[in-house]
Amino acid sequence: MIVDCSAIAKEFASRKILYKNTALQSASGTKICHEYAVQVHEDGDSGLGSFNERGDPLEWTHTVHFWKGTYTESILTELQAFKGRFRVMLPSSSMQLHVDRVANQPGGTYHIPIFTDKSAFIISPPNAYHYPADGRIYHLDTLQPHLAVNGSLKLRIHLTFGRDTTT
């Protein structure tokens, strides 16, 4: 499946102001990333900041009201996605090497790059990957050590989600 990144980018740009501050910080307290939930838990919890959540992944498929009826929602629904969110890495930032402990999330995390630069990478040692904003869906095994680096002077925006791979 190839998605229309420009359509998703326009939807995101028109909705991100509807969110509260969603900054994630490094261990040193530096802001490195913002997250914006598209899908939330059935109890309304956004779960921002981690995929390390409780319960059945399929409980994280409820679309935030201002995303209903959008192209983004239709893509996540078609992909049987859960916990869809935009992850916006700030310029010249990096995350620490980590492993996501998600026994209840089969298959890792999927990425649709919306806006990126050739200086933005995901590193899963010993490999480094640049995911271009070409409409493709990229998979990352987040049960393995990994980190993200945005070495550019621009924002890096990915739509990320888990996927129900059991059907």
Foldseek 3Di string as FASTA:
>chain_A
DFDDLVQVVVLCVVCVVVDDFAFDAAPVRHTFKGKFWQWAALVRHLPRPAPQDDDAQLRRLHGDVSCPPGPVNVVCVVQQWGSKMKIKTAEQHKYDWDAHDHPNFPFAKKKQWNDADPQKWKDQPPDIDDDDNGRDIDGDRRRGTIMIGRHHNDMTIITMTTGDPPD
